[in-house]
Amino acid sequence: MTSSIVSYNILVPIFADRPAVYQKCQLQFLKTDYRWNLIESQLKQEILHHDNTIICLQEICLSFLPKLELFFHGLNYTFFHNLYGLRNNDYLRVGIAIP
């Protein structure tokens, strides 16, 4: 059996909400809802088009956790996450999703 491992930096909204840092990026592309739709679409493609994909995520914010848990549960994945951040950075986490 083969597996693939992919890794994504999600970029917490408080960091994305700094247009001065991302001057070459159009503002609508930094919006949380827009970014979530892209993240969800990309993760779904990875899972549906590759057998046994293990997904590693960095910079998961507290507000994304329910969405990610529901998303992975719906695709029969188990999602583990661990806190490493503080209140000022929206309690950053890392996570791993496995089939």
PDB file of N, CA and C in Angstrom:
ATOM      1  N   MET A   1       0.843  -1.170   0.000  1.00  0.00           N
ATOM      2  CA  MET A   1       0.000   0.000   0.000  1.00  0.00           C
ATOM      3  C   MET A   1       0.898   1.246   0.000  1.00  0.00           C
ATOM      4  N   THR A   2       0.542   2.195  -0.828  1.00  0.00           N
ATOM      5  CA  THR A   2       1.288   3.445  -0.872  1.00  0.00           C
ATOM      6  C   THR A   2       0.492   4.546  -0.173  1.00  0.00           C
ATOM      7  N   SER A   3       1.221   5.519   0.294  1.00  0.00           N
ATOM      8  CA  SER A   3       0.621   6.689   0.943  1.00  0.00           C
ATOM      9  C   SER A   3       1.311   7.931   0.424  1.00  0.00           C
ATOM     10  N   SER A   4       0.630   9.033   0.554  1.00  0.00           N
ATOM     11  CA  SER A   4       1.281  10.309   0.264  1.00  0.00           C
ATOM     12  C   SER A   4       1.101  11.214   1.470  1.00  0.00           C
ATOM     13  N   ILE A   5       2.057  12.088   1.659  1.00  0.00           N
ATOM     14  CA  ILE A   5       2.019  13.040   2.766  1.00  0.00           C
ATOM     15  C   ILE A   5       2.096  14.433   2.168  1.00  0.00           C
ATOM     16  N   VAL A   6       1.155  15.271   2.560  1.00  0.00           N
ATOM     17  CA  VAL A   6       1.165  16.661   2.116  1.00  0.00           C
ATOM     18  C   VAL A   6       1.160  17.556   3.349  1.00  0.00           C
ATOM     19  N   SER A   7       1.701  18.736   3.186  1.00  0.00           N
ATOM     20  CA  SER A   7       1.786  19.679   4.297  1.00  0.00           C
ATOM     21  C   SER A   7       1.362  21.060   3.820  1.00  0.00           C
ATOM     22  N   TYR A   8       0.531  21.705   4.617  1.00  0.00           N
ATOM     23  CA  TYR A   8       0.037  23.038   4.271  1.00  0.00           C
ATOM     24  C   TYR A   8       0.167  23.974   5.462  1.00  0.00           C
ATOM     25  N   ASN A   9       0.591  25.189   5.181  1.00  0.00           N
ATOM     26  CA  ASN A   9       0.544  26.254   6.172  1.00  0.00           C
ATOM     27  C   ASN A   9      -0.753  27.010   5.922  1.00  0.00           C
ATOM     28  N   ILE A  10      -1.663  26.962   6.875  1.00  0.00           N
ATOM     29  CA  ILE A  10      -2.993  27.540   6.710  1.00  0.00           C
ATOM     30  C   ILE A  10      -2.971  29.067   6.804  1.00  0.00           C
ATOM     31  N   LEU A  11      -2.072  29.631   7.564  1.00  0.00           N
ATOM     32  CA  LEU A  11      -1.947  31.071   7.810  1.00  0.00           C
ATOM     33  C   LEU A  11      -3.153  31.593   8.577  1.00  0.00           C
ATOM     34  N   VAL A  12      -2.966  31.781   9.864  1.00  0.00           N
ATOM     35  CA  VAL A  12      -4.062  32.239  10.721  1.00  0.00           C
ATOM     36  C   VAL A  12      -4.578  33.594  10.257  1.00  0.00           C
ATOM     37  N   PRO A  13      -5.878  33.829  10.401  1.00  0.00           N
ATOM     38  CA  PRO A  13      -6.473  35.087   9.936  1.00  0.00           C
ATOM     39  C   PRO A  13      -5.815  36.349  10.499  1.00  0.00           C
ATOM     40  N   ILE A  14      -5.355  36.302  11.752  1.00  0.00           N
ATOM     41  CA  ILE A  14      -4.743  37.525  12.290  1.00  0.00           C
ATOM     42  C   ILE A  14      -3.445  37.868  11.570  1.00  0.00           C
ATOM     43  N   PHE A  15      -2.771  36.880  11.010  1.00  0.00           N
ATOM     44  CA  PHE A  15      -1.576  37.158  10.218  1.00  0.00           C
ATOM     45  C   PHE A  15      -1.942  37.538   8.786  1.00  0.00           C
ATOM     46  N   ALA A  16      -2.994  36.935   8.258  1.00  0.00           N
ATOM     47  CA  ALA A  16      -3.439  37.262   6.895  1.00  0.00           C
ATOM     48  C   ALA A  16      -4.032  38.662   6.831  1.00  0.00           C
ATOM     49  N   ASP A  17      -4.523  39.142   7.956  1.00  0.00           N
ATOM     50  CA  ASP A  17      -5.161  40.457   8.009  1.00  0.00           C
ATOM     51  C   ASP A  17      -4.124  41.568   8.175  1.00  0.00           C
ATOM     52  N   ARG A  18      -3.072  41.491   7.402  1.00  0.00           N
ATOM     53  CA  ARG A  18      -2.004  42.499   7.412  1.00  0.00           C
ATOM     54  C   ARG A  18      -1.659  42.863   5.973  1.00  0.00           C
ATOM     55  N   PRO A  19      -2.504  43.666   5.336  1.00  0.00           N
ATOM     56  CA  PRO A  19      -2.293  43.999   3.927  1.00  0.00           C
ATOM     57  C   PRO A  19      -0.921  44.606   3.642  1.00  0.00           C
ATOM     58  N   ALA A  20      -0.347  45.286   4.616  1.00  0.00           N
ATOM     59  CA  ALA A  20       0.968  45.891   4.404  1.00  0.00           C
ATOM     60  C   ALA A  20       2.043  44.821   4.197  1.00  0.00           C
ATOM     61  N   VAL A  21       1.863  43.677   4.811  1.00  0.00           N
ATOM     62  CA  VAL A  21       2.821  42.581   4.667  1.00  0.00           C
ATOM     63  C   VAL A  21       2.666  41.897   3.309  1.00  0.00           C
ATOM     64  N   TYR A  22       1.421  41.809   2.845  1.00  0.00           N
ATOM     65  CA  TYR A  22       1.114  41.124   1.589  1.00  0.00           C
ATOM     66  C   TYR A  22       0.692  42.150   0.537  1.00  0.00           C
ATOM     67  N   GLN A  23       1.546  43.086   0.263  1.00  0.00           N
ATOM     68  CA  GLN A  23       1.230  44.207  -0.624  1.00  0.00           C
ATOM     69  C   GLN A  23       0.894  43.772  -2.045  1.00  0.00           C
ATOM     70  N   LYS A  24       1.450  42.687  -2.502  1.00  0.00           N
ATOM     71  CA  LYS A  24       1.213  42.248  -3.882  1.00  0.00           C
ATOM     72  C   LYS A  24      -0.008  41.341  -4.003  1.00  0.00           C
ATOM     73  N   CYS A  25      -0.663  41.085  -2.900  1.00  0.00           N
ATOM     74  CA  CYS A  25      -1.836  40.217  -2.902  1.00  0.00           C
ATOM     75  C   CYS A  25      -3.104  41.073  -2.867  1.00  0.00           C
ATOM     76  N   GLN A  26      -4.055  40.741  -3.708  1.00  0.00           N
ATOM     77  CA  GLN A  26      -5.321  41.462  -3.695  1.00  0.00           C
ATOM     78  C   GLN A  26      -6.041  41.193  -2.372  1.00  0.00           C
ATOM     79  N   LEU A  27      -6.667  42.218  -1.813  1.00  0.00           N
ATOM     80  CA  LEU A  27      -7.269  42.128  -0.486  1.00  0.00           C
ATOM     81  C   LEU A  27      -8.296  41.007  -0.355  1.00  0.00           C
ATOM     82  N   GLN A  28      -9.104  40.775  -1.377  1.00  0.00           N
ATOM     83  CA  GLN A  28     -10.133  39.732  -1.260  1.00  0.00           C
ATOM     84  C   GLN A  28      -9.518  38.350  -1.073  1.00  0.00           C
ATOM     85  N   PHE A  29      -8.281  38.159  -1.535  1.00  0.00           N
ATOM     86  CA  PHE A  29      -7.632  36.863  -1.391  1.00  0.00           C
ATOM     87  C   PHE A  29      -7.137  36.605   0.029  1.00  0.00           C
ATOM     88  N   LEU A  30      -7.091  37.646   0.847  1.00  0.00           N
ATOM     89  CA  LEU A  30      -6.671  37.509   2.238  1.00  0.00           C
ATOM     90  C   LEU A  30      -7.848  37.292   3.187  1.00  0.00           C
ATOM     91  N   LYS A  31      -9.047  37.419   2.693  1.00  0.00           N
ATOM     92  CA  LYS A  31     -10.246  37.270   3.526  1.00  0.00           C
ATOM     93  C   LYS A  31     -10.399  35.814   3.976  1.00  0.00           C
ATOM     94  N   THR A  32     -10.797  35.642   5.215  1.00  0.00           N
ATOM     95  CA  THR A  32     -10.897  34.310   5.810  1.00  0.00           C
ATOM     96  C   THR A  32     -11.833  33.391   5.043  1.00  0.00           C
ATOM     97  N   ASP A  33     -13.018  33.842   4.672  1.00  0.00           N
ATOM     98  CA  ASP A  33     -13.967  32.978   3.961  1.00  0.00           C
ATOM     99  C   ASP A  33     -13.425  32.534   2.609  1.00  0.00           C
ATOM    100  N   TYR A  34     -12.809  33.446   1.900  1.00  0.00           N
ATOM    101  CA  TYR A  34     -12.226  33.117   0.597  1.00  0.00           C
ATOM    102  C   TYR A  34     -11.134  32.056   0.773  1.00  0.00           C
ATOM    103  N   ARG A  35     -10.266  32.293   1.744  1.00  0.00           N
ATOM    104  CA  ARG A  35      -9.159  31.372   1.990  1.00  0.00           C
ATOM    105  C   ARG A  35      -9.663  30.002   2.447  1.00  0.00           C
ATOM    106  N   TRP A  36     -10.702  29.990   3.314  1.00  0.00           N
ATOM    107  CA  TRP A  36     -11.228  28.705   3.769  1.00  0.00           C
ATOM    108  C   TRP A  36     -11.754  27.884   2.596  1.00  0.00           C
ATOM    109  N   ASN A  37     -12.471  28.524   1.687  1.00  0.00           N
ATOM    110  CA  ASN A  37     -12.999  27.804   0.523  1.00  0.00           C
ATOM    111  C   ASN A  37     -11.880  27.186  -0.309  1.00  0.00           C
ATOM    112  N   LEU A  38     -10.776  27.905  -0.463  1.00  0.00           N
ATOM    113  CA  LEU A  38      -9.631  27.352  -1.199  1.00  0.00           C
ATOM    114  C   LEU A  38      -8.978  26.202  -0.443  1.00  0.00           C
ATOM    115  N   ILE A  39      -8.822  26.393   0.855  1.00  0.00           N
ATOM    116  CA  ILE A  39      -8.213  25.352   1.685  1.00  0.00           C
ATOM    117  C   ILE A  39      -9.042  24.075   1.616  1.00  0.00           C
ATOM    118  N   GLU A  40     -10.343  24.214   1.819  1.00  0.00           N
ATOM    119  CA  GLU A  40     -11.241  23.063   1.791  1.00  0.00           C
ATOM    120  C   GLU A  40     -11.191  22.352   0.435  1.00  0.00           C
ATOM    121  N   SER A  41     -11.212  23.119  -0.631  1.00  0.00           N
ATOM    122  CA  SER A  41     -11.167  22.552  -1.974  1.00  0.00           C
ATOM    123  C   SER A  41      -9.864  21.792  -2.215  1.00  0.00           C
ATOM    124  N   GLN A  42      -8.747  22.383  -1.829  1.00  0.00           N
ATOM    125  CA  GLN A  42      -7.445  21.750  -2.041  1.00  0.00           C
ATOM    126  C   GLN A  42      -7.308  20.471  -1.216  1.00  0.00           C
ATOM    127  N   LEU A  43      -7.727  20.523   0.037  1.00  0.00           N
ATOM    128  CA  LEU A  43      -7.639  19.331   0.881  1.00  0.00           C
ATOM    129  C   LEU A  43      -8.523  18.209   0.339  1.00  0.00           C
ATOM    130  N   LYS A  44      -9.712  18.555  -0.111  1.00  0.00           N
ATOM    131  CA  LYS A  44     -10.629  17.546  -0.659  1.00  0.00           C
ATOM    132  C   LYS A  44     -10.026  16.898  -1.902  1.00  0.00           C
ATOM    133  N   GLN A  45      -9.389  17.690  -2.761  1.00  0.00           N
ATOM    134  CA  GLN A  45      -8.739  17.134  -3.953  1.00  0.00           C
ATOM    135  C   GLN A  45      -7.641  16.151  -3.565  1.00  0.00           C
ATOM    136  N   GLU A  46      -6.850  16.528  -2.568  1.00  0.00           N
ATOM    137  CA  GLU A  46      -5.770  15.638  -2.115  1.00  0.00           C
ATOM    138  C   GLU A  46      -6.334  14.303  -1.644  1.00  0.00           C
ATOM    139  N   ILE A  47      -7.405  14.359  -0.866  1.00  0.00           N
ATOM    140  CA  ILE A  47      -7.981  13.144  -0.294  1.00  0.00           C
ATOM    141  C   ILE A  47      -8.666  12.294  -1.357  1.00  0.00           C
ATOM    142  N   LEU A  48      -9.436  12.908  -2.231  1.00  0.00           N
ATOM    143  CA  LEU A  48     -10.217  12.152  -3.206  1.00  0.00           C
ATOM    144  C   LEU A  48      -9.393  11.617  -4.370  1.00  0.00           C
ATOM    145  N   HIS A  49      -8.278  12.273  -4.686  1.00  0.00           N
ATOM    146  CA  HIS A  49      -7.496  11.869  -5.852  1.00  0.00           C
ATOM    147  C   HIS A  49      -6.242  11.058  -5.516  1.00  0.00           C
ATOM    148  N   HIS A  50      -5.954  10.894  -4.243  1.00  0.00           N
ATOM    149  CA  HIS A  50      -4.780  10.122  -3.841  1.00  0.00           C
ATOM    150  C   HIS A  50      -5.175   9.215  -2.681  1.00  0.00           C
ATOM    151  N   ASP A  51      -4.910   7.940  -2.825  1.00  0.00           N
ATOM    152  CA  ASP A  51      -5.237   7.000  -1.751  1.00  0.00           C
ATOM    153  C   ASP A  51      -4.326   7.219  -0.548  1.00  0.00           C
ATOM    154  N   ASN A  52      -4.897   7.082   0.632  1.00  0.00           N
ATOM    155  CA  ASN A  52      -4.130   7.114   1.882  1.00  0.00           C
ATOM    156  C   ASN A  52      -3.302   8.381   2.061  1.00  0.00           C
ATOM    157  N   THR A  53      -3.885   9.507   1.793  1.00  0.00           N
ATOM    158  CA  THR A  53      -3.178  10.767   1.961  1.00  0.00           C
ATOM    159  C   THR A  53      -3.164  11.174   3.429  1.00  0.00           C
ATOM    160  N   ILE A  54      -1.990  11.467   3.930  1.00  0.00           N
ATOM    161  CA  ILE A  54      -1.820  12.003   5.279  1.00  0.00           C
ATOM    162  C   ILE A  54      -1.614  13.501   5.124  1.00  0.00           C
ATOM    163  N   ILE A  55      -2.390  14.271   5.868  1.00  0.00           N
ATOM    164  CA  ILE A  55      -2.351  15.722   5.714  1.00  0.00           C
ATOM    165  C   ILE A  55      -1.825  16.361   6.990  1.00  0.00           C
ATOM    166  N   CYS A  56      -0.767  17.150   6.849  1.00  0.00           N
ATOM    167  CA  CYS A  56      -0.183  17.888   7.965  1.00  0.00           C
ATOM    168  C   CYS A  56      -0.506  19.368   7.780  1.00  0.00           C
ATOM    169  N   LEU A  57      -0.933  20.013   8.852  1.00  0.00           N
ATOM    170  CA  LEU A  57      -1.317  21.423   8.781  1.00  0.00           C
ATOM    171  C   LEU A  57      -0.586  22.225   9.847  1.00  0.00           C
ATOM    172  N   GLN A  58      -0.143  23.409   9.463  1.00  0.00           N
ATOM    173  CA  GLN A  58       0.462  24.341  10.408  1.00  0.00           C
ATOM    174  C   GLN A  58      -0.370  25.621  10.444  1.00  0.00           C
ATOM    175  N   GLU A  59      -0.202  26.355  11.521  1.00  0.00           N
ATOM    176  CA  GLU A  59      -0.889  27.637  11.724  1.00  0.00           C
ATOM    177  C   GLU A  59      -2.407  27.502  11.641  1.00  0.00           C
ATOM    178  N   ILE A  60      -2.935  26.531  12.342  1.00  0.00           N
ATOM    179  CA  ILE A  60      -4.385  26.383  12.447  1.00  0.00           C
ATOM    180  C   ILE A  60      -4.842  27.287  13.588  1.00  0.00           C
ATOM    181  N   CYS A  61      -5.847  28.087  13.342  1.00  0.00           N
ATOM    182  CA  CYS A  61      -6.366  28.954  14.400  1.00  0.00           C
ATOM    183  C   CYS A  61      -7.541  28.278  15.096  1.00  0.00           C
ATOM    184  N   LEU A  62      -7.839  28.751  16.267  1.00  0.00           N
ATOM    185  CA  LEU A  62      -8.925  28.197  17.061  1.00  0.00           C
ATOM    186  C   LEU A  62     -10.250  28.224  16.308  1.00  0.00           C
ATOM    187  N   SER A  63     -10.493  29.290  15.561  1.00  0.00           N
ATOM    188  CA  SER A  63     -11.772  29.413  14.848  1.00  0.00           C
ATOM    189  C   SER A  63     -11.896  28.436  13.670  1.00  0.00           C
ATOM    190  N   PHE A  64     -10.793  27.919  13.158  1.00  0.00           N
ATOM    191  CA  PHE A  64     -10.843  26.944  12.060  1.00  0.00           C
ATOM    192  C   PHE A  64     -11.053  25.508  12.554  1.00  0.00           C
ATOM    193  N   LEU A  65     -10.813  25.253  13.828  1.00  0.00           N
ATOM    194  CA  LEU A  65     -10.879  23.876  14.324  1.00  0.00           C
ATOM    195  C   LEU A  65     -12.218  23.189  14.066  1.00  0.00           C
ATOM    196  N   PRO A  66     -13.350  23.797  14.414  1.00  0.00           N
ATOM    197  CA  PRO A  66     -14.623  23.102  14.148  1.00  0.00           C
ATOM    198  C   PRO A  66     -14.824  22.784  12.666  1.00  0.00           C
ATOM    199  N   LYS A  67     -14.430  23.696  11.799  1.00  0.00           N
ATOM    200  CA  LYS A  67     -14.572  23.457  10.357  1.00  0.00           C
ATOM    201  C   LYS A  67     -13.702  22.281   9.916  1.00  0.00           C
ATOM    202  N   LEU A  68     -12.471  22.268  10.392  1.00  0.00           N
ATOM    203  CA  LEU A  68     -11.557  21.191  10.012  1.00  0.00           C
ATOM    204  C   LEU A  68     -12.023  19.846  10.562  1.00  0.00           C
ATOM    205  N   GLU A  69     -12.466  19.834  11.813  1.00  0.00           N
ATOM    206  CA  GLU A  69     -12.934  18.585  12.411  1.00  0.00           C
ATOM    207  C   GLU A  69     -14.132  18.030  11.642  1.00  0.00           C
ATOM    208  N   LEU A  70     -15.077  18.877  11.310  1.00  0.00           N
ATOM    209  CA  LEU A  70     -16.257  18.457  10.552  1.00  0.00           C
ATOM    210  C   LEU A  70     -15.871  17.987   9.146  1.00  0.00           C
ATOM    211  N   PHE A  71     -14.992  18.737   8.507  1.00  0.00           N
ATOM    212  CA  PHE A  71     -14.528  18.401   7.162  1.00  0.00           C
ATOM    213  C   PHE A  71     -13.883  17.016   7.142  1.00  0.00           C
ATOM    214  N   PHE A  72     -12.917  16.795   8.030  1.00  0.00           N
ATOM    215  CA  PHE A  72     -12.203  15.516   8.035  1.00  0.00           C
ATOM    216  C   PHE A  72     -13.116  14.365   8.460  1.00  0.00           C
ATOM    217  N   HIS A  73     -13.981  14.599   9.417  1.00  0.00           N
ATOM    218  CA  HIS A  73     -14.922  13.558   9.841  1.00  0.00           C
ATOM    219  C   HIS A  73     -15.801  13.117   8.665  1.00  0.00           C
ATOM    220  N   GLY A  74     -16.240  14.080   7.866  1.00  0.00           N
ATOM    221  CA  GLY A  74     -17.083  13.778   6.711  1.00  0.00           C
ATOM    222  C   GLY A  74     -16.388  12.945   5.654  1.00  0.00           C
ATOM    223  N   LEU A  75     -15.059  12.937   5.680  1.00  0.00           N
ATOM    224  CA  LEU A  75     -14.287  12.147   4.715  1.00  0.00           C
ATOM    225  C   LEU A  75     -13.635  10.928   5.375  1.00  0.00           C
ATOM    226  N   ASN A  76     -14.153  10.556   6.549  1.00  0.00           N
ATOM    227  CA  ASN A  76     -13.661   9.390   7.300  1.00  0.00           C
ATOM    228  C   ASN A  76     -12.187   9.496   7.670  1.00  0.00           C
ATOM    229  N   TYR A  77     -11.770  10.683   8.017  1.00  0.00           N
ATOM    230  CA  TYR A  77     -10.413  10.916   8.490  1.00  0.00           C
ATOM    231  C   TYR A  77     -10.448  11.194   9.988  1.00  0.00           C
ATOM    232  N   THR A  78      -9.356  10.854  10.651  1.00  0.00           N
ATOM    233  CA  THR A  78      -9.187  11.211  12.055  1.00  0.00           C
ATOM    234  C   THR A  78      -8.255  12.410  12.101  1.00  0.00           C
ATOM    235  N   PHE A  79      -8.641  13.418  12.860  1.00  0.00           N
ATOM    236  CA  PHE A  79      -7.883  14.666  12.911  1.00  0.00           C
ATOM    237  C   PHE A  79      -7.366  14.890  14.326  1.00  0.00           C
ATOM    238  N   PHE A  80      -6.052  15.017  14.436  1.00  0.00           N
ATOM    239  CA  PHE A  80      -5.402  15.313  15.711  1.00  0.00           C
ATOM    240  C   PHE A  80      -4.794  16.707  15.618  1.00  0.00           C
ATOM    241  N   HIS A  81      -4.834  17.442  16.710  1.00  0.00           N
ATOM    242  CA  HIS A  81      -4.217  18.770  16.712  1.00  0.00           C
ATOM    243  C   HIS A  81      -3.636  19.062  18.085  1.00  0.00           C
ATOM    244  N   ASN A  82      -2.679  19.973  18.102  1.00  0.00           N
ATOM    245  CA  ASN A  82      -2.010  20.328  19.346  1.00  0.00           C
ATOM    246  C   ASN A  82      -1.706  21.819  19.362  1.00  0.00           C
ATOM    247  N   LEU A  83      -1.936  22.421  20.492  1.00  0.00           N
ATOM    248  CA  LEU A  83      -1.734  23.851  20.698  1.00  0.00           C
ATOM    249  C   LEU A  83      -0.253  24.179  20.897  1.00  0.00           C
ATOM    250  N   TYR A  84       0.215  25.233  20.248  1.00  0.00           N
ATOM    251  CA  TYR A  84       1.537  25.758  20.563  1.00  0.00           C
ATOM    252  C   TYR A  84       1.522  27.269  20.683  1.00  0.00           C
ATOM    253  N   GLY A  85       0.416  27.888  20.372  1.00  0.00           N
ATOM    254  CA  GLY A  85       0.334  29.342  20.389  1.00  0.00           C
ATOM    255  C   GLY A  85      -0.306  29.881  21.648  1.00  0.00           C
ATOM    256  N   LEU A  86      -0.443  31.185  21.642  1.00  0.00           N
ATOM    257  CA  LEU A  86      -1.018  31.910  22.769  1.00  0.00           C
ATOM    258  C   LEU A  86      -2.226  32.712  22.312  1.00  0.00           C
ATOM    259  N   ARG A  87      -2.833  33.386  23.246  1.00  0.00           N
ATOM    260  CA  ARG A  87      -4.030  34.177  22.951  1.00  0.00           C
ATOM    261  C   ARG A  87      -3.777  35.219  21.863  1.00  0.00           C
ATOM    262  N   ASN A  88      -2.620  35.872  21.900  1.00  0.00           N
ATOM    263  CA  ASN A  88      -2.335  36.955  20.944  1.00  0.00           C
ATOM    264  C   ASN A  88      -2.172  36.468  19.503  1.00  0.00           C
ATOM    265  N   ASN A  89      -1.986  35.168  19.297  1.00  0.00           N
ATOM    266  CA  ASN A  89      -1.904  34.658  17.922  1.00  0.00           C
ATOM    267  C   ASN A  89      -3.007  33.633  17.641  1.00  0.00           C
ATOM    268  N   ASP A  90      -4.130  33.809  18.332  1.00  0.00           N
ATOM    269  CA  ASP A  90      -5.334  32.978  18.136  1.00  0.00           C
ATOM    270  C   ASP A  90      -5.067  31.505  18.430  1.00  0.00           C
ATOM    271  N   TYR A  91      -4.205  31.264  19.417  1.00  0.00           N
ATOM    272  CA  TYR A  91      -3.934  29.907  19.874  1.00  0.00           C
ATOM    273  C   TYR A  91      -3.544  28.972  18.725  1.00  0.00           C
ATOM    274  N   LEU A  92      -2.473  29.329  18.069  1.00  0.00           N
ATOM    275  CA  LEU A  92      -1.976  28.533  16.941  1.00  0.00           C
ATOM    276  C   LEU A  92      -1.855  27.053  17.288  1.00  0.00           C
ATOM    277  N   ARG A  93      -2.126  26.237  16.289  1.00  0.00           N
ATOM    278  CA  ARG A  93      -2.040  24.792  16.445  1.00  0.00           C
ATOM    279  C   ARG A  93      -1.414  24.175  15.201  1.00  0.00           C
ATOM    280  N   VAL A  94      -0.956  22.967  15.390  1.00  0.00           N
ATOM    281  CA  VAL A  94      -0.578  22.123  14.267  1.00  0.00           C
ATOM    282  C   VAL A  94      -1.536  20.936  14.279  1.00  0.00           C
ATOM    283  N   GLY A  95      -1.705  20.309  13.134  1.00  0.00           N
ATOM    284  CA  GLY A  95      -2.619  19.176  13.080  1.00  0.00           C
ATOM    285  C   GLY A  95      -2.180  18.159  12.050  1.00  0.00           C
ATOM    286  N   ILE A  96      -2.700  16.965  12.223  1.00  0.00           N
ATOM    287  CA  ILE A  96      -2.463  15.904  11.257  1.00  0.00           C
ATOM    288  C   ILE A  96      -3.773  15.138  11.076  1.00  0.00           C
ATOM    289  N   ALA A  97      -4.097  14.850   9.836  1.00  0.00           N
ATOM    290  CA  ALA A  97      -5.308  14.098   9.507  1.00  0.00           C
ATOM    291  C   ALA A  97      -4.893  12.809   8.811  1.00  0.00           C
ATOM    292  N   ILE A  98      -5.434  11.706   9.301  1.00  0.00           N
ATOM    293  CA  ILE A  98      -5.073  10.404   8.743  1.00  0.00           C
ATOM    294  C   ILE A  98      -6.336   9.615   8.379  1.00  0.00           C
ATOM    295  N   PRO A  99      -6.239   8.805   7.314  1.00  0.00           N
ATOM    296  CA  PRO A  99      -7.410   8.008   6.919  1.00  0.00           C
ATOM    297  C   PRO A  99      -7.666   6.851   7.884  1.00  0.00           C
TER     298      PRO A  99
END
